[in-house]
């Protein structure tokens, strides 16, 4: 499985404050092949209380690429393929987690992640040919 060059380990010790980590997918460094990319890996159990993405360089594709971001077992928890359609990934686009199905005012956070769980980014349908997406996770160590 490919891994972003800036993959981060999170949640190594207990704490009661929200911590933030940021990582950037960058086509020029990470490539844009269709596949699943590790973004964050948890070192210990954490509760994700915030997640958002900002497009730093517009994403392009020779086809109709999609990007989704999720967690182990729920691969579109933080960005679904509608939000991550290449046409939506324009410069400075801000992306919040999708709402919970059946509960339109509830974002798909918080989520508890066990040690070793991952936040994953999936490029699907077609490869990306350019782009940069910064992803920020807010979490509490459990």
N, C-alpha and C. Protein backbone atom coordinates (compact mmCIF):
# COMPACT_ATOMS: atom_id res chain seq x y z
N UNK A 1 0.85 -1.17 0.00
CA UNK A 1 0.00 0.00 0.00
C UNK A 1 0.89 1.24 0.00
N UNK A 2 0.67 2.19 -0.91
CA UNK A 2 1.47 3.41 -0.92
C UNK A 2 1.24 4.22 0.35
N UNK A 3 2.22 4.98 0.74
CA UNK A 3 2.16 5.83 1.93
C UNK A 3 2.58 7.23 1.51
N UNK A 4 1.84 8.26 1.99
CA UNK A 4 2.26 9.62 1.72
C UNK A 4 3.64 9.84 2.33
N UNK A 5 4.45 10.65 1.73
CA UNK A 5 5.81 10.90 2.22
C UNK A 5 5.80 11.56 3.59
N UNK A 6 4.71 12.22 3.96
CA UNK A 6 4.62 12.92 5.23
C UNK A 6 3.68 12.24 6.21
N UNK A 7 3.49 10.91 6.10
CA UNK A 7 2.59 10.20 7.00
C UNK A 7 2.99 10.48 8.45
N UNK A 8 2.01 10.66 9.33
CA UNK A 8 2.25 11.01 10.72
C UNK A 8 1.77 9.90 11.65
N UNK A 9 2.50 9.66 12.73
CA UNK A 9 2.03 8.80 13.82
C UNK A 9 1.35 9.70 14.83
N UNK A 10 0.17 9.32 15.31
CA UNK A 10 -0.55 10.15 16.26
C UNK A 10 -0.99 9.35 17.47
N UNK A 11 -1.15 10.04 18.59
CA UNK A 11 -1.71 9.43 19.80
C UNK A 11 -0.74 8.58 20.58
N UNK A 12 0.49 9.06 20.81
CA UNK A 12 1.49 8.21 21.48
C UNK A 12 1.42 8.24 23.00
N UNK A 13 0.79 9.22 23.61
CA UNK A 13 0.63 9.25 25.06
C UNK A 13 -0.71 9.86 25.42
N UNK A 14 -1.17 9.61 26.65
CA UNK A 14 -2.47 10.11 27.10
C UNK A 14 -2.45 11.63 27.25
N UNK A 15 -3.56 12.28 26.95
CA UNK A 15 -3.71 13.71 27.16
C UNK A 15 -5.18 14.06 27.09
N UNK A 16 -5.58 15.16 27.72
CA UNK A 16 -7.00 15.51 27.72
C UNK A 16 -7.31 16.74 26.87
N UNK A 17 -6.33 17.27 26.19
CA UNK A 17 -6.55 18.42 25.33
C UNK A 17 -6.64 17.95 23.88
N UNK A 18 -7.37 18.72 23.07
CA UNK A 18 -7.43 18.41 21.65
C UNK A 18 -6.09 18.78 21.02
N UNK A 19 -5.53 17.85 20.28
CA UNK A 19 -4.29 18.09 19.56
C UNK A 19 -4.60 18.06 18.07
N UNK A 20 -3.80 18.77 17.32
CA UNK A 20 -3.98 18.81 15.87
C UNK A 20 -2.71 18.38 15.17
N UNK A 21 -2.87 17.60 14.13
CA UNK A 21 -1.77 17.22 13.24
C UNK A 21 -2.23 17.52 11.82
N UNK A 22 -1.28 17.90 11.00
CA UNK A 22 -1.59 18.25 9.62
C UNK A 22 -0.63 17.50 8.72
N UNK A 23 -1.16 17.01 7.60
CA UNK A 23 -0.34 16.33 6.61
C UNK A 23 -0.85 16.75 5.24
N UNK A 24 0.04 16.73 4.27
CA UNK A 24 -0.35 17.17 2.93
C UNK A 24 -0.07 16.09 1.90
N UNK A 25 -1.12 15.78 1.13
CA UNK A 25 -0.92 14.99 -0.08
C UNK A 25 -0.45 15.97 -1.13
N UNK A 26 0.62 15.64 -1.83
CA UNK A 26 1.15 16.50 -2.90
C UNK A 26 1.52 15.62 -4.08
N UNK A 27 0.85 15.83 -5.20
CA UNK A 27 1.09 15.03 -6.39
C UNK A 27 2.56 15.01 -6.77
N UNK A 28 3.25 16.14 -6.68
CA UNK A 28 4.64 16.21 -7.12
C UNK A 28 5.55 15.33 -6.28
N UNK A 29 5.13 14.99 -5.08
CA UNK A 29 5.93 14.16 -4.18
C UNK A 29 5.36 12.75 -4.04
N UNK A 30 4.03 12.65 -4.00
CA UNK A 30 3.37 11.37 -3.69
C UNK A 30 2.81 10.64 -4.90
N UNK A 31 2.79 11.30 -6.07
CA UNK A 31 2.19 10.69 -7.25
C UNK A 31 0.68 10.78 -7.17
N UNK A 32 0.01 10.26 -8.18
CA UNK A 32 -1.44 10.36 -8.22
C UNK A 32 -2.13 9.09 -8.69
N UNK A 33 -1.43 7.97 -8.59
CA UNK A 33 -2.00 6.71 -9.07
C UNK A 33 -3.25 6.33 -8.30
N UNK A 34 -4.17 5.66 -8.99
CA UNK A 34 -5.35 5.11 -8.33
C UNK A 34 -4.87 4.15 -7.25
N UNK A 35 -5.41 4.29 -6.05
CA UNK A 35 -5.02 3.41 -4.95
C UNK A 35 -5.34 4.03 -3.60
N UNK A 36 -4.93 3.32 -2.55
CA UNK A 36 -5.18 3.73 -1.17
C UNK A 36 -3.86 4.19 -0.57
N UNK A 37 -3.88 5.38 0.05
CA UNK A 37 -2.69 5.97 0.65
C UNK A 37 -2.89 6.14 2.15
N UNK A 38 -1.91 5.74 2.94
CA UNK A 38 -1.93 6.01 4.38
C UNK A 38 -1.69 7.50 4.59
N UNK A 39 -2.52 8.11 5.44
CA UNK A 39 -2.37 9.53 5.77
C UNK A 39 -1.88 9.69 7.20
N UNK A 40 -2.61 9.09 8.14
CA UNK A 40 -2.23 9.07 9.55
C UNK A 40 -2.33 7.65 10.04
N UNK A 41 -1.47 7.27 10.98
CA UNK A 41 -1.55 5.98 11.67
C UNK A 41 -1.55 6.26 13.16
N UNK A 42 -2.48 5.64 13.90
CA UNK A 42 -2.56 5.88 15.34
C UNK A 42 -1.56 5.00 16.08
N UNK A 43 -0.87 5.60 17.04
CA UNK A 43 0.06 4.84 17.88
C UNK A 43 -0.68 4.26 19.08
N UNK A 44 -1.72 4.95 19.54
CA UNK A 44 -2.55 4.53 20.66
C UNK A 44 -4.00 4.83 20.32
N UNK A 45 -4.90 4.48 21.22
CA UNK A 45 -6.32 4.75 21.03
C UNK A 45 -6.55 6.27 21.12
N UNK A 46 -7.32 6.80 20.14
CA UNK A 46 -7.66 8.22 20.13
C UNK A 46 -9.13 8.40 19.78
N UNK A 47 -9.65 9.59 20.06
CA UNK A 47 -10.98 9.97 19.58
C UNK A 47 -10.79 11.17 18.67
N UNK A 48 -11.17 11.02 17.40
CA UNK A 48 -11.10 12.11 16.43
C UNK A 48 -12.30 13.01 16.66
N UNK A 49 -12.05 14.29 16.92
CA UNK A 49 -13.12 15.24 17.17
C UNK A 49 -13.24 16.31 16.08
N UNK A 50 -12.28 16.35 15.18
CA UNK A 50 -12.30 17.33 14.10
C UNK A 50 -11.48 16.80 12.93
N UNK A 51 -11.92 17.09 11.74
CA UNK A 51 -11.16 16.75 10.54
C UNK A 51 -11.61 17.70 9.44
N UNK A 52 -10.68 18.28 8.74
CA UNK A 52 -11.02 19.09 7.58
C UNK A 52 -9.87 19.08 6.59
N UNK A 53 -10.19 19.40 5.36
CA UNK A 53 -9.20 19.42 4.28
C UNK A 53 -9.30 20.75 3.54
N UNK A 54 -8.15 21.19 3.02
CA UNK A 54 -8.10 22.39 2.19
C UNK A 54 -7.25 22.06 0.97
N UNK A 55 -7.76 22.38 -0.21
CA UNK A 55 -7.02 22.15 -1.44
C UNK A 55 -6.02 23.30 -1.59
N UNK A 56 -4.73 22.97 -1.60
CA UNK A 56 -3.67 23.97 -1.70
C UNK A 56 -3.24 24.20 -3.15
N UNK A 57 -3.34 23.17 -3.99
CA UNK A 57 -3.11 23.28 -5.43
C UNK A 57 -4.24 22.51 -6.09
N UNK A 58 -4.91 23.14 -7.04
CA UNK A 58 -6.05 22.50 -7.69
C UNK A 58 -5.67 21.11 -8.22
N UNK A 59 -6.57 20.17 -8.04
CA UNK A 59 -6.34 18.81 -8.51
C UNK A 59 -6.84 18.68 -9.95
N UNK A 60 -6.09 17.94 -10.76
CA UNK A 60 -6.47 17.70 -12.14
C UNK A 60 -6.35 16.21 -12.42
N UNK A 61 -7.00 15.80 -13.52
CA UNK A 61 -6.99 14.39 -13.89
C UNK A 61 -7.26 14.29 -15.39
N UNK A 62 -6.71 13.27 -16.01
CA UNK A 62 -7.03 13.01 -17.41
C UNK A 62 -8.39 12.36 -17.55
N UNK A 63 -9.00 11.98 -16.43
CA UNK A 63 -10.33 11.36 -16.42
C UNK A 63 -11.18 12.02 -15.35
N UNK A 64 -12.03 11.26 -14.74
CA UNK A 64 -12.91 11.80 -13.70
C UNK A 64 -12.49 11.24 -12.34
N UNK A 65 -11.29 11.60 -11.91
CA UNK A 65 -10.74 11.11 -10.64
C UNK A 65 -11.62 11.51 -9.47
N UNK A 66 -11.61 10.67 -8.45
CA UNK A 66 -12.28 10.98 -7.18
C UNK A 66 -11.29 10.75 -6.06
N UNK A 67 -11.50 11.49 -4.98
CA UNK A 67 -10.69 11.32 -3.78
C UNK A 67 -11.66 11.15 -2.62
N UNK A 68 -11.41 10.14 -1.79
CA UNK A 68 -12.19 10.00 -0.57
C UNK A 68 -11.22 9.78 0.58
N UNK A 69 -11.63 10.19 1.78
CA UNK A 69 -10.78 10.07 2.96
C UNK A 69 -11.62 9.47 4.07
N UNK A 70 -11.08 8.45 4.71
CA UNK A 70 -11.81 7.80 5.78
C UNK A 70 -10.88 7.10 6.74
N UNK A 71 -11.44 6.21 7.51
CA UNK A 71 -10.70 5.47 8.52
C UNK A 71 -10.80 3.98 8.23
N UNK A 72 -9.98 3.21 8.89
CA UNK A 72 -10.05 1.76 8.78
C UNK A 72 -11.51 1.33 8.99
N UNK A 73 -12.09 0.67 8.02
CA UNK A 73 -13.46 0.18 8.14
C UNK A 73 -14.54 1.14 7.66
N UNK A 74 -14.20 2.39 7.37
CA UNK A 74 -15.18 3.37 6.86
C UNK A 74 -14.42 4.37 5.99
N UNK A 75 -14.20 4.00 4.73
CA UNK A 75 -13.24 4.71 3.89
C UNK A 75 -13.70 6.06 3.35
N UNK A 76 -14.91 6.50 3.68
CA UNK A 76 -15.32 7.84 3.26
C UNK A 76 -15.89 8.64 4.42
N UNK A 77 -15.37 8.38 5.59
CA UNK A 77 -15.85 9.04 6.82
C UNK A 77 -15.61 10.55 6.79
N UNK A 78 -14.49 11.00 6.23
CA UNK A 78 -14.12 12.42 6.29
C UNK A 78 -14.26 13.16 4.96
N UNK A 79 -14.27 12.44 3.85
CA UNK A 79 -14.51 13.06 2.54
C UNK A 79 -15.09 11.97 1.64
N UNK A 80 -16.26 12.25 1.07
CA UNK A 80 -16.84 11.25 0.18
C UNK A 80 -16.51 11.58 -1.27
N UNK A 81 -16.90 10.72 -2.18
CA UNK A 81 -16.50 10.88 -3.59
C UNK A 81 -17.23 12.04 -4.27
N UNK A 82 -18.35 12.49 -3.72
CA UNK A 82 -19.00 13.69 -4.26
C UNK A 82 -18.18 14.91 -3.90
N UNK A 83 -17.78 15.01 -2.62
CA UNK A 83 -16.94 16.12 -2.18
C UNK A 83 -15.57 16.07 -2.86
N UNK A 84 -15.09 14.86 -3.12
CA UNK A 84 -13.76 14.66 -3.66
C UNK A 84 -13.71 14.44 -5.16
N UNK A 85 -14.78 14.80 -5.86
CA UNK A 85 -14.73 14.74 -7.32
C UNK A 85 -13.72 15.76 -7.80
N UNK A 86 -12.92 15.40 -8.80
CA UNK A 86 -11.83 16.27 -9.23
C UNK A 86 -12.32 17.68 -9.57
N UNK A 87 -13.51 17.81 -10.11
CA UNK A 87 -14.05 19.14 -10.44
C UNK A 87 -14.30 19.99 -9.20
N UNK A 88 -14.45 19.36 -8.03
CA UNK A 88 -14.68 20.09 -6.78
C UNK A 88 -13.38 20.44 -6.06
N UNK A 89 -12.28 19.82 -6.47
CA UNK A 89 -11.00 20.01 -5.78
C UNK A 89 -10.24 21.18 -6.39
N UNK A 90 -10.85 22.35 -6.28
CA UNK A 90 -10.29 23.58 -6.83
C UNK A 90 -9.45 24.30 -5.76
N UNK A 91 -8.60 25.21 -6.20
CA UNK A 91 -7.74 25.96 -5.29
C UNK A 91 -8.54 26.56 -4.14
N UNK A 92 -8.07 26.33 -2.93
CA UNK A 92 -8.64 26.85 -1.68
C UNK A 92 -9.98 26.25 -1.29
N UNK A 93 -10.44 25.20 -1.97
CA UNK A 93 -11.69 24.55 -1.57
C UNK A 93 -11.50 23.96 -0.17
N UNK A 94 -12.43 24.26 0.72
CA UNK A 94 -12.42 23.69 2.06
C UNK A 94 -13.43 22.57 2.13
N UNK A 95 -13.04 21.46 2.74
CA UNK A 95 -13.91 20.29 2.78
C UNK A 95 -14.07 19.82 4.21
N UNK A 96 -15.31 19.81 4.69
CA UNK A 96 -15.64 19.29 6.01
C UNK A 96 -16.15 17.87 5.85
N UNK A 97 -16.12 17.07 6.93
CA UNK A 97 -16.65 15.71 6.81
C UNK A 97 -18.11 15.73 6.37
N UNK A 98 -18.53 14.69 5.63
CA UNK A 98 -19.93 14.62 5.22
C UNK A 98 -20.83 14.41 6.43
N UNK A 99 -22.11 14.65 6.25
CA UNK A 99 -23.05 14.42 7.34
C UNK A 99 -23.36 12.94 7.45
N UNK A 100 -23.78 12.53 8.64
CA UNK A 100 -24.16 11.14 8.88
C UNK A 100 -25.46 10.87 8.14
N UNK A 101 -25.50 9.79 7.39
CA UNK A 101 -26.70 9.43 6.64
C UNK A 101 -27.88 9.31 7.59
N UNK A 102 -28.97 9.98 7.26
CA UNK A 102 -30.17 9.94 8.10
C UNK A 102 -30.17 10.98 9.21
N UNK A 103 -29.05 11.69 9.39
CA UNK A 103 -28.95 12.74 10.41
C UNK A 103 -28.26 13.94 9.76
N UNK A 104 -28.97 14.73 8.96
CA UNK A 104 -28.34 15.73 8.10
C UNK A 104 -27.59 16.85 8.82
N UNK A 105 -27.76 17.02 10.10
CA UNK A 105 -27.04 18.07 10.82
C UNK A 105 -25.90 17.52 11.67
N UNK A 106 -25.55 16.25 11.49
CA UNK A 106 -24.51 15.62 12.30
C UNK A 106 -23.32 15.26 11.42
N UNK A 107 -22.18 15.87 11.67
CA UNK A 107 -20.97 15.53 10.92
C UNK A 107 -20.48 14.16 11.33
N UNK A 108 -19.72 13.51 10.47
CA UNK A 108 -19.26 12.14 10.70
C UNK A 108 -18.06 12.07 11.65
N UNK A 109 -17.97 12.97 12.60
CA UNK A 109 -17.01 12.90 13.70
C UNK A 109 -17.82 13.14 14.96
N UNK A 110 -17.48 12.69 16.14
CA UNK A 110 -16.22 12.02 16.46
C UNK A 110 -16.23 10.54 16.09
N UNK A 111 -15.04 9.99 16.07
CA UNK A 111 -14.86 8.57 15.84
C UNK A 111 -13.69 8.11 16.69
N UNK A 112 -13.85 6.97 17.34
CA UNK A 112 -12.77 6.40 18.15
C UNK A 112 -11.95 5.48 17.26
N UNK A 113 -10.64 5.64 17.35
CA UNK A 113 -9.72 4.80 16.56
C UNK A 113 -8.79 4.06 17.50
N UNK A 114 -8.62 2.78 17.26
CA UNK A 114 -7.73 1.94 18.06
C UNK A 114 -6.29 2.14 17.61
N UNK A 115 -5.36 1.73 18.46
CA UNK A 115 -3.94 1.76 18.07
C UNK A 115 -3.76 0.96 16.79
N UNK A 116 -3.04 1.52 15.85
CA UNK A 116 -2.79 0.85 14.58
C UNK A 116 -3.81 1.16 13.49
N UNK A 117 -4.94 1.79 13.86
CA UNK A 117 -5.91 2.20 12.84
C UNK A 117 -5.32 3.31 11.99
N UNK A 118 -5.89 3.50 10.81
CA UNK A 118 -5.34 4.48 9.88
C UNK A 118 -6.42 5.39 9.32
N UNK A 119 -6.01 6.62 9.02
CA UNK A 119 -6.79 7.49 8.16
C UNK A 119 -6.22 7.26 6.77
N UNK A 120 -7.11 6.97 5.83
CA UNK A 120 -6.70 6.58 4.48
C UNK A 120 -7.29 7.53 3.45
N UNK A 121 -6.53 7.82 2.42
CA UNK A 121 -7.00 8.59 1.28
C UNK A 121 -7.03 7.65 0.08
N UNK A 122 -8.15 7.60 -0.62
CA UNK A 122 -8.29 6.74 -1.78
C UNK A 122 -8.48 7.59 -3.03
N UNK A 123 -7.61 7.39 -4.00
CA UNK A 123 -7.79 8.00 -5.32
C UNK A 123 -8.45 6.92 -6.18
N UNK A 124 -9.60 7.25 -6.76
CA UNK A 124 -10.34 6.26 -7.52
C UNK A 124 -10.75 6.75 -8.90
N UNK A 125 -11.27 5.86 -9.69
CA UNK A 125 -11.80 6.08 -11.05
C UNK A 125 -10.70 6.38 -12.06
N UNK A 126 -9.88 7.40 -11.79
CA UNK A 126 -8.78 7.77 -12.68
C UNK A 126 -7.67 8.39 -11.83
N UNK A 127 -6.48 8.40 -12.35
CA UNK A 127 -5.35 8.97 -11.63
C UNK A 127 -5.44 10.49 -11.60
N UNK A 128 -4.85 11.08 -10.56
CA UNK A 128 -4.67 12.53 -10.52
C UNK A 128 -3.40 12.87 -11.30
N UNK A 129 -3.38 14.02 -11.93
CA UNK A 129 -2.20 14.47 -12.68
C UNK A 129 -1.56 15.70 -12.05
N UNK A 130 -2.20 16.27 -11.04
CA UNK A 130 -1.66 17.40 -10.28
C UNK A 130 -2.54 17.59 -9.06
N UNK A 131 -2.02 18.33 -8.08
CA UNK A 131 -2.83 18.71 -6.94
C UNK A 131 -2.13 18.55 -5.61
N UNK A 132 -2.67 19.25 -4.63
CA UNK A 132 -2.16 19.20 -3.27
C UNK A 132 -3.33 19.44 -2.33
N UNK A 133 -3.51 18.54 -1.35
CA UNK A 133 -4.60 18.64 -0.39
C UNK A 133 -4.02 18.53 1.01
N UNK A 134 -4.26 19.56 1.82
CA UNK A 134 -3.80 19.55 3.22
C UNK A 134 -4.93 19.01 4.09
N UNK A 135 -4.63 18.01 4.91
CA UNK A 135 -5.62 17.39 5.79
C UNK A 135 -5.22 17.63 7.24
N UNK A 136 -6.18 18.09 8.04
CA UNK A 136 -5.93 18.39 9.46
C UNK A 136 -6.86 17.54 10.30
N UNK A 137 -6.27 16.88 11.30
CA UNK A 137 -7.04 16.03 12.20
C UNK A 137 -6.92 16.60 13.63
N UNK A 138 -8.05 16.68 14.32
CA UNK A 138 -8.06 17.07 15.72
C UNK A 138 -8.46 15.85 16.53
N UNK A 139 -7.70 15.55 17.58
CA UNK A 139 -7.96 14.31 18.32
C UNK A 139 -7.64 14.48 19.80
N UNK A 140 -8.22 13.60 20.59
CA UNK A 140 -7.94 13.50 22.02
C UNK A 140 -7.35 12.12 22.25
N UNK A 141 -6.28 12.05 22.99
CA UNK A 141 -5.67 10.77 23.34
C UNK A 141 -6.50 10.09 24.43
N UNK A 142 -6.79 8.82 24.25
CA UNK A 142 -7.61 8.08 25.24
C UNK A 142 -6.75 7.14 26.06
